[in-house]
Amino acid sequence: MAFTQEVSHPVQRNSASNPVWMDGLRILLGLFLFIKGVMFLEYTSDVFLVFSQNQDFISLQKAPVLTSTVHIVGGLMIAMGFLTRLALLCQMPVVLGAVLLVNRHRGLHLENTELWISVAVLGLLLFFMIMGPGRYSVDNKVLRKQK
């Protein structure tokens, strides 16, 4: 009888039981995206040139500012672990656009490091969408009900 009760009630697992190294990786990913957003603001003319090859002029004026804002705000949210999955979801179209549109013109070479970095960041975004923010995050400390 006790065996059937154990089987019918599985142990619930949440992201607070993730290893600590995942929190460190999430923080590094958030800081990387934050720095990338600041770099977009620094090199707005270069970003404007890259976007001009793929879009019309009306949506082109807002693209560098929107991209850098998403990276800066989303990167800080990911690093702190505040509404992490929402921040990850907002980052995905920007990084997917970098993989499919921006880096596609440079080719699929080993020398195209921007493409491989974008693919790795996209993989990490998907990984943390599934695994969650972890134990050292605002989501876990403030928003989750503690037992």
Protein backbone atom coordinates (compact mmCIF):
# COMPACT_ATOMS: atom_id res chain seq x y z
CA MET A 1 0.00 0.00 0.00
CA ALA A 2 2.81 2.43 0.83
CA PHE A 3 4.48 1.71 -2.52
CA THR A 4 1.40 2.77 -4.49
CA GLN A 5 1.16 6.01 -2.54
CA GLU A 6 4.78 6.85 -3.36
CA VAL A 7 4.26 6.17 -7.05
CA SER A 8 1.07 8.20 -7.29
CA HIS A 9 2.66 11.30 -5.73
CA PRO A 10 5.89 12.11 -7.57
CA VAL A 11 8.34 14.55 -6.06
CA GLN A 12 7.85 18.00 -7.53
CA ARG A 13 11.00 19.59 -8.86
CA ASN A 14 11.52 23.29 -9.44
CA SER A 15 14.38 25.42 -10.64
CA ALA A 16 15.56 26.07 -7.06
CA SER A 17 17.09 22.60 -7.09
CA ASN A 18 19.29 23.40 -10.10
CA PRO A 19 23.06 23.24 -9.51
CA VAL A 20 24.86 26.45 -8.61
CA TRP A 21 26.90 26.44 -11.84
CA MET A 22 23.65 27.00 -13.77
CA ASP A 23 23.09 30.20 -11.82
CA GLY A 24 26.59 31.34 -12.68
CA LEU A 25 26.00 30.55 -16.35
CA ARG A 26 22.69 32.46 -16.30
CA ILE A 27 24.39 35.50 -14.72
CA LEU A 28 27.18 35.40 -17.32
CA LEU A 29 24.62 35.14 -20.14
CA GLY A 30 22.75 38.16 -18.77
CA LEU A 31 25.94 40.21 -18.44
CA PHE A 32 27.01 39.22 -21.96
CA LEU A 33 23.67 40.38 -23.38
CA PHE A 34 23.88 43.62 -21.37
CA ILE A 35 27.38 44.35 -22.72
CA LYS A 36 26.20 43.49 -26.25
CA GLY A 37 23.35 46.00 -25.86
CA VAL A 38 25.76 48.73 -24.74
CA MET A 39 27.98 47.93 -27.71
CA PHE A 40 24.96 48.29 -30.03
CA LEU A 41 24.42 51.80 -28.63
CA GLU A 42 28.10 52.62 -29.16
CA TYR A 43 28.13 51.42 -32.76
CA THR A 44 24.67 52.56 -33.86
CA SER A 45 25.84 53.49 -37.36
CA ASP A 46 27.26 49.99 -37.95
CA VAL A 47 24.06 48.36 -36.68
CA PHE A 48 22.06 50.77 -38.88
CA LEU A 49 24.09 49.63 -41.90
CA VAL A 50 23.51 45.93 -41.14
CA PHE A 51 19.78 46.43 -40.68
CA SER A 52 19.53 48.54 -43.85
CA GLN A 53 20.45 45.56 -45.99
CA ASN A 54 17.36 43.64 -44.88
CA GLN A 55 14.56 46.13 -44.08
CA ASP A 56 12.77 49.20 -45.34
CA PHE A 57 13.66 52.66 -44.04
CA ILE A 58 10.57 53.20 -41.85
CA SER A 59 11.23 50.30 -39.47
CA LEU A 60 14.97 50.80 -39.83
CA GLN A 61 15.18 53.95 -37.69
CA LYS A 62 13.91 52.21 -34.55
CA ALA A 63 15.76 48.90 -34.96
CA PRO A 64 19.14 49.75 -33.31
CA VAL A 65 17.52 51.43 -30.32
CA LEU A 66 14.98 48.64 -29.90
CA THR A 67 17.64 45.95 -30.22
CA SER A 68 19.95 47.59 -27.70
CA THR A 69 17.08 48.28 -25.26
CA VAL A 70 15.97 44.64 -25.38
CA HIS A 71 19.54 43.48 -24.77
CA ILE A 72 20.25 45.95 -21.95
CA VAL A 73 17.01 45.54 -20.00
CA GLY A 74 16.66 41.83 -20.76
CA GLY A 75 20.30 41.14 -19.94
CA LEU A 76 19.96 42.77 -16.54
CA MET A 77 16.73 40.89 -15.88
CA ILE A 78 18.38 37.58 -16.81
CA ALA A 79 21.45 38.32 -14.68
CA MET A 80 19.32 39.16 -11.64
CA GLY A 81 16.85 36.38 -12.32
CA PHE A 82 13.87 38.76 -12.32
CA LEU A 83 11.01 37.55 -14.56
CA THR A 84 13.64 35.42 -16.22
CA ARG A 85 11.49 33.48 -18.64
CA LEU A 86 9.82 36.67 -19.90
CA ALA A 87 13.23 38.27 -20.45
CA LEU A 88 14.45 35.14 -22.25
CA LEU A 89 11.37 35.15 -24.44
CA CYS A 90 11.95 38.80 -25.39
CA GLN A 91 15.59 38.06 -26.28
CA MET A 92 14.79 35.17 -28.62
CA PRO A 93 13.54 37.14 -31.66
CA VAL A 94 16.57 39.43 -31.53
CA VAL A 95 19.08 36.58 -31.27
CA LEU A 96 17.19 34.48 -33.82
CA GLY A 97 17.31 37.46 -36.19
CA ALA A 98 21.06 37.68 -35.60
CA VAL A 99 21.45 34.00 -36.48
CA LEU A 100 19.17 33.93 -39.53
CA LEU A 101 19.46 37.42 -41.02
CA VAL A 102 22.59 39.24 -39.94
CA ASN A 103 25.18 36.48 -39.80
CA ARG A 104 23.80 34.56 -42.78
CA HIS A 105 25.48 36.93 -45.25
CA ARG A 106 28.93 36.23 -43.85
CA GLY A 107 28.63 32.51 -44.52
CA LEU A 108 28.80 29.33 -42.51
CA HIS A 109 32.54 29.32 -41.78
CA LEU A 110 34.53 28.57 -38.67
CA GLU A 111 35.96 32.09 -38.96
CA ASN A 112 32.47 33.62 -38.56
CA THR A 113 32.65 33.81 -34.77
CA GLU A 114 29.62 36.11 -34.50
CA LEU A 115 27.43 33.38 -35.98
CA TRP A 116 28.70 30.74 -33.56
CA ILE A 117 28.34 33.08 -30.58
CA SER A 118 24.77 33.88 -31.66
CA VAL A 119 23.98 30.16 -32.00
CA ALA A 120 25.46 29.48 -28.54
CA VAL A 121 23.48 32.34 -26.99
CA LEU A 122 20.30 31.07 -28.65
CA GLY A 123 20.98 27.61 -27.25
CA LEU A 124 21.51 29.06 -23.76
CA LEU A 125 18.29 31.05 -24.04
CA LEU A 126 16.40 27.87 -24.88
CA PHE A 127 18.19 25.97 -22.11
CA PHE A 128 17.19 28.48 -19.44
CA MET A 129 13.64 28.70 -20.79
CA ILE A 130 13.33 25.00 -19.97
CA MET A 131 15.41 24.80 -16.78
CA GLY A 132 14.26 28.03 -15.12
CA PRO A 133 16.11 30.79 -13.29
CA GLY A 134 17.70 28.77 -10.47
CA ARG A 135 18.03 29.18 -6.73
CA TYR A 136 19.96 32.48 -6.69
CA SER A 137 17.39 34.60 -8.48
CA VAL A 138 14.79 37.19 -7.63
CA ASP A 139 12.17 34.82 -9.05
CA ASN A 140 13.08 32.18 -6.47
CA LYS A 141 13.64 34.45 -3.47
CA VAL A 142 10.71 36.85 -3.86
CA LEU A 143 8.13 35.57 -6.30
CA ARG A 144 8.05 31.86 -5.39
CA LYS A 145 6.20 30.82 -2.25
CA GLN A 146 8.67 29.49 0.29
CA LYS A 147 7.76 26.38 2.26
